[in-house]
Amino acid sequence: MRSNGYSAIKDQIIKLEIHPGQKVTENELAERFDVSRTPIREAIVRLSQEGLIDVYPQRGTFVSLIDEEHVEEGRFMREHMEIAVARLACEKLSATALQDLSENLVLQEMSVKEKNYQRIFQLDEDFHRIIFAGCKKQRTWQSVQSMMVNLNRTRMLSLASEYNWEMILNQHQKIYEAIKNKKPGEAEHVMKEHLSLVNIDLAELKERYASYFQGVET
């Protein structure tokens, strides 16, 4: 199946299916994603501009290593925007978006029981995206996502072993109830608690996956 080269490559970089530091070529990527070299070349340019790919003349093209400062910037932006939109959702969230959140929570519960961590990760992202979209803040969500690419790579590293997904599901349910019952103070409090829970121990990840991070000797 042919795919959008840019989005497909970016998705696999974030999911660590293409590893930080891994060398890639246009031919390899074109074959992998069943597209011609032209969209692959364009994708490499875009991903280079976003800091996900490094191109070195005479050496080759590599997936960028994870930048700790970029991880922190992504965390900072996410925390402030998520808390603000949680309060806003208590006033602005559409009935359709509220129903979408309810259905998302059902799927999250199923995935937690199945220990399908990658599916939970995607549903977690969808849960937060629905809140932004339901408040007509889609561009804000896109800006947050563009800042979170390195943060999301670290989240994938710690996905199965370090996340308490049952507790995260419980917090999502509390966020939903606070928004549904139009309690902005409670929504803000639970969102802060939720975001602190998913903070990542970078020092431990850098020790375990040293070759994936900038400035770490292996």
Protein backbone atom coordinates (compact mmCIF):
# COMPACT_ATOMS: atom_id res chain seq x y z
CA MET A 1 0.00 0.00 0.00
CA ARG A 2 1.35 3.39 -0.97
CA SER A 3 1.61 5.87 1.89
CA ASN A 4 2.41 9.49 2.54
CA GLY A 5 6.19 9.39 2.84
CA TYR A 6 6.50 12.25 5.30
CA SER A 7 3.83 11.15 7.78
CA ALA A 8 4.81 7.48 7.55
CA ILE A 9 8.50 8.14 8.23
CA LYS A 10 7.71 10.57 11.05
CA ASP A 11 5.34 8.07 12.65
CA GLN A 12 7.96 5.33 12.63
CA ILE A 13 10.63 7.67 14.02
CA ILE A 14 8.35 8.67 16.91
CA LYS A 15 7.40 5.03 17.55
CA LEU A 16 11.12 4.11 17.45
CA GLU A 17 10.56 1.65 14.64
CA ILE A 18 13.34 3.69 13.03
CA HIS A 19 15.84 4.21 15.83
CA PRO A 20 17.62 7.42 16.91
CA GLY A 21 21.01 7.49 15.23
CA GLN A 22 19.99 4.99 12.55
CA LYS A 23 21.33 5.67 9.06
CA VAL A 24 18.69 5.85 6.33
CA THR A 25 18.82 6.23 2.56
CA GLU A 26 16.31 7.45 0.00
CA ASN A 27 16.27 4.06 -1.73
CA GLU A 28 15.69 2.15 1.50
CA LEU A 29 12.87 4.46 2.60
CA ALA A 30 11.25 4.46 -0.85
CA GLU A 31 11.16 0.66 -0.80
CA ARG A 32 10.01 0.49 2.81
CA PHE A 33 7.03 2.80 2.26
CA ASP A 34 6.32 1.93 -1.39
CA VAL A 35 6.72 5.45 -2.72
CA SER A 36 9.02 7.04 -5.27
CA ARG A 37 12.21 8.79 -4.24
CA THR A 38 10.78 12.28 -4.88
CA PRO A 39 8.32 12.31 -1.92
CA ILE A 40 11.00 10.63 0.21
CA ARG A 41 13.46 13.39 -0.65
CA GLU A 42 10.82 16.01 0.22
CA ALA A 43 10.04 14.18 3.47
CA ILE A 44 13.71 14.16 4.46
CA VAL A 45 13.90 17.93 3.94
CA ARG A 46 10.81 18.51 6.11
CA LEU A 47 11.95 16.13 8.83
CA SER A 48 15.38 17.76 8.81
CA GLN A 49 13.73 21.15 9.35
CA GLU A 50 11.79 19.64 12.27
CA GLY A 51 14.96 18.27 13.84
CA LEU A 52 14.11 14.59 13.37
CA ILE A 53 16.67 13.86 10.66
CA ASP A 54 20.27 15.01 10.31
CA VAL A 55 21.86 15.21 6.87
CA TYR A 56 25.65 15.19 6.75
CA PRO A 57 27.34 15.75 3.36
CA GLN A 58 29.68 12.89 2.45
CA ARG A 59 28.50 10.90 5.50
CA GLY A 60 24.83 10.25 4.96
CA THR A 61 21.40 10.80 6.48
CA PHE A 62 20.64 9.77 10.06
CA VAL A 63 17.65 9.86 12.38
CA SER A 64 18.49 12.54 14.93
CA LEU A 65 19.40 11.61 18.46
CA ILE A 66 16.99 12.67 21.21
CA ASP A 67 17.71 16.19 22.45
CA GLU A 68 17.06 16.54 26.19
CA GLU A 69 16.41 20.29 25.92
CA HIS A 70 13.77 19.66 23.25
CA VAL A 71 12.16 17.05 25.50
CA GLU A 72 11.89 19.62 28.29
CA GLU A 73 10.50 22.29 25.96
CA GLY A 74 7.85 19.86 24.75
CA ARG A 75 6.92 18.95 28.32
CA PHE A 76 6.69 22.64 29.29
CA MET A 77 4.45 23.57 26.37
CA ARG A 78 2.24 20.52 26.78
CA GLU A 79 1.70 21.11 30.48
CA HIS A 80 0.66 24.74 30.08
CA MET A 81 -1.57 24.23 27.04
CA GLU A 82 -3.25 21.08 28.38
CA ILE A 83 -4.14 22.74 31.69
CA ALA A 84 -5.53 25.82 29.93
CA VAL A 85 -7.65 23.78 27.53
CA ALA A 86 -8.98 21.57 30.34
CA ARG A 87 -10.49 24.65 31.97
CA LEU A 88 -11.78 25.92 28.64
CA ALA A 89 -13.39 22.55 27.86
CA CYS A 90 -15.67 22.92 30.88
CA GLU A 91 -17.28 25.85 29.07
CA LYS A 92 -16.72 25.15 25.39
CA LEU A 93 -16.53 21.40 24.72
CA SER A 94 -19.17 20.29 22.24
CA ALA A 95 -21.61 17.47 22.99
CA THR A 96 -20.13 15.51 20.08
CA ALA A 97 -16.63 15.81 21.53
CA LEU A 98 -17.91 14.73 24.95
CA GLN A 99 -19.40 11.61 23.37
CA ASP A 100 -16.13 10.97 21.53
CA LEU A 101 -14.27 11.15 24.86
CA SER A 102 -16.67 8.65 26.39
CA GLU A 103 -16.16 6.21 23.52
CA ASN A 104 -12.40 6.73 23.69
CA LEU A 105 -12.41 5.79 27.38
CA VAL A 106 -14.18 2.51 26.61
CA LEU A 107 -11.46 1.65 24.10
CA GLN A 108 -8.75 2.66 26.58
CA GLU A 109 -10.20 0.33 29.20
CA MET A 110 -10.21 -2.56 26.73
CA SER A 111 -6.62 -1.87 25.69
CA VAL A 112 -5.40 -1.66 29.29
CA LYS A 113 -6.92 -5.09 29.97
CA GLU A 114 -5.22 -6.45 26.84
CA LYS A 115 -1.91 -4.73 27.74
CA ASN A 116 -1.82 -3.34 24.21
CA TYR A 117 0.56 -0.51 25.06
CA GLN A 118 1.00 1.00 21.61
CA ARG A 119 -2.78 1.10 21.19
CA ILE A 120 -3.12 2.74 24.61
CA PHE A 121 -0.51 5.32 23.64
CA GLN A 122 -2.51 6.24 20.52
CA LEU A 123 -5.79 6.38 22.44
CA ASP A 124 -4.11 8.59 25.04
CA GLU A 125 -3.06 10.98 22.27
CA ASP A 126 -6.57 10.86 20.78
CA PHE A 127 -8.16 11.63 24.16
CA HIS A 128 -6.21 14.88 24.48
CA ARG A 129 -6.65 15.76 20.79
CA ILE A 130 -10.44 15.42 21.12
CA ILE A 131 -10.44 17.96 23.95
CA PHE A 132 -8.48 20.50 21.90
CA ALA A 133 -10.59 19.92 18.79
CA GLY A 134 -13.83 20.10 20.78
CA CYS A 135 -12.77 23.57 21.97
CA LYS A 136 -11.87 24.60 18.40
CA LYS A 137 -8.17 24.67 19.23
CA GLN A 138 -6.93 22.31 16.51
CA ARG A 139 -4.03 24.56 15.50
CA THR A 140 -2.96 24.83 19.13
CA TRP A 141 -2.93 21.03 19.30
CA GLN A 142 -0.83 20.86 16.14
CA SER A 143 1.64 23.34 17.64
CA VAL A 144 1.87 21.27 20.82
CA GLN A 145 2.45 18.12 18.79
CA SER A 146 5.21 19.74 16.75
CA MET A 147 7.00 20.58 20.01
CA MET A 148 6.49 17.10 21.46
CA VAL A 149 8.26 14.88 18.94
CA ASN A 150 11.30 14.30 21.17
CA LEU A 151 9.13 13.99 24.27
CA ASN A 152 7.01 11.38 22.49
CA ARG A 153 10.10 9.38 21.58
CA THR A 154 11.06 9.21 25.25
CA ARG A 155 7.48 8.25 26.11
CA MET A 156 7.76 5.35 23.67
CA LEU A 157 11.01 4.24 25.32
CA SER A 158 9.30 3.98 28.69
CA LEU A 159 5.95 2.81 27.33
CA ALA A 160 5.51 -0.72 28.64
CA SER A 161 7.73 -0.77 31.70
CA GLU A 162 7.21 2.51 33.51
CA TYR A 163 3.68 3.72 32.89
CA ASN A 164 0.90 2.86 35.31
CA TRP A 165 -1.77 2.68 32.63
CA GLU A 166 -4.55 1.79 35.06
CA MET A 167 -3.90 5.01 36.97
CA ILE A 168 -3.65 7.02 33.76
CA LEU A 169 -6.99 5.60 32.63
CA ASN A 170 -8.48 6.53 36.00
CA GLN A 171 -7.23 10.09 35.62
CA HIS A 172 -8.64 10.32 32.10
CA GLN A 173 -11.99 9.27 33.53
CA LYS A 174 -11.73 11.98 36.20
CA ILE A 175 -10.85 14.59 33.57
CA TYR A 176 -13.87 13.51 31.56
CA GLU A 177 -16.18 13.75 34.58
CA ALA A 178 -14.86 17.20 35.53
CA ILE A 179 -15.42 18.49 31.99
CA LYS A 180 -18.83 16.83 31.73
CA ASN A 181 -19.91 18.39 35.05
CA LYS A 182 -18.40 21.78 34.12
CA LYS A 183 -15.96 21.97 37.04
CA PRO A 184 -12.94 23.93 35.71
CA GLY A 185 -11.03 23.94 39.00
CA GLU A 186 -11.28 20.17 39.29
CA ALA A 187 -10.42 19.69 35.61
CA GLU A 188 -7.27 21.79 36.05
CA HIS A 189 -6.26 19.96 39.23
CA VAL A 190 -6.69 16.49 37.73
CA MET A 191 -4.92 17.50 34.51
CA LYS A 192 -1.92 18.77 36.52
CA GLU A 193 -1.87 15.53 38.48
CA HIS A 194 -2.17 13.53 35.26
CA LEU A 195 0.69 15.32 33.52
CA SER A 196 2.96 14.95 36.55
CA LEU A 197 2.29 11.20 36.52
CA VAL A 198 3.49 10.81 32.95
CA ASN A 199 6.69 12.79 33.51
CA ILE A 200 9.63 10.68 32.45
CA ASP A 201 12.82 9.86 34.33
CA LEU A 202 15.24 11.00 31.63
CA ALA A 203 18.32 10.10 33.66
CA GLU A 204 17.24 6.47 33.82
CA LEU A 205 16.34 6.37 30.13
CA LYS A 206 19.68 7.92 29.18
CA GLU A 207 21.46 5.25 31.19
CA ARG A 208 19.47 2.43 29.60
CA TYR A 209 19.43 3.83 26.04
CA ALA A 210 22.60 5.93 25.97
CA SER A 211 23.10 5.57 22.21
CA TYR A 212 19.72 7.22 21.55
CA PHE A 213 20.54 10.54 23.26
CA GLN A 214 22.68 13.50 22.31
CA GLY A 215 25.80 14.10 24.37
CA VAL A 216 25.85 10.69 26.07
CA GLU A 217 29.01 8.64 25.69
CA THR A 218 28.49 4.93 25.04
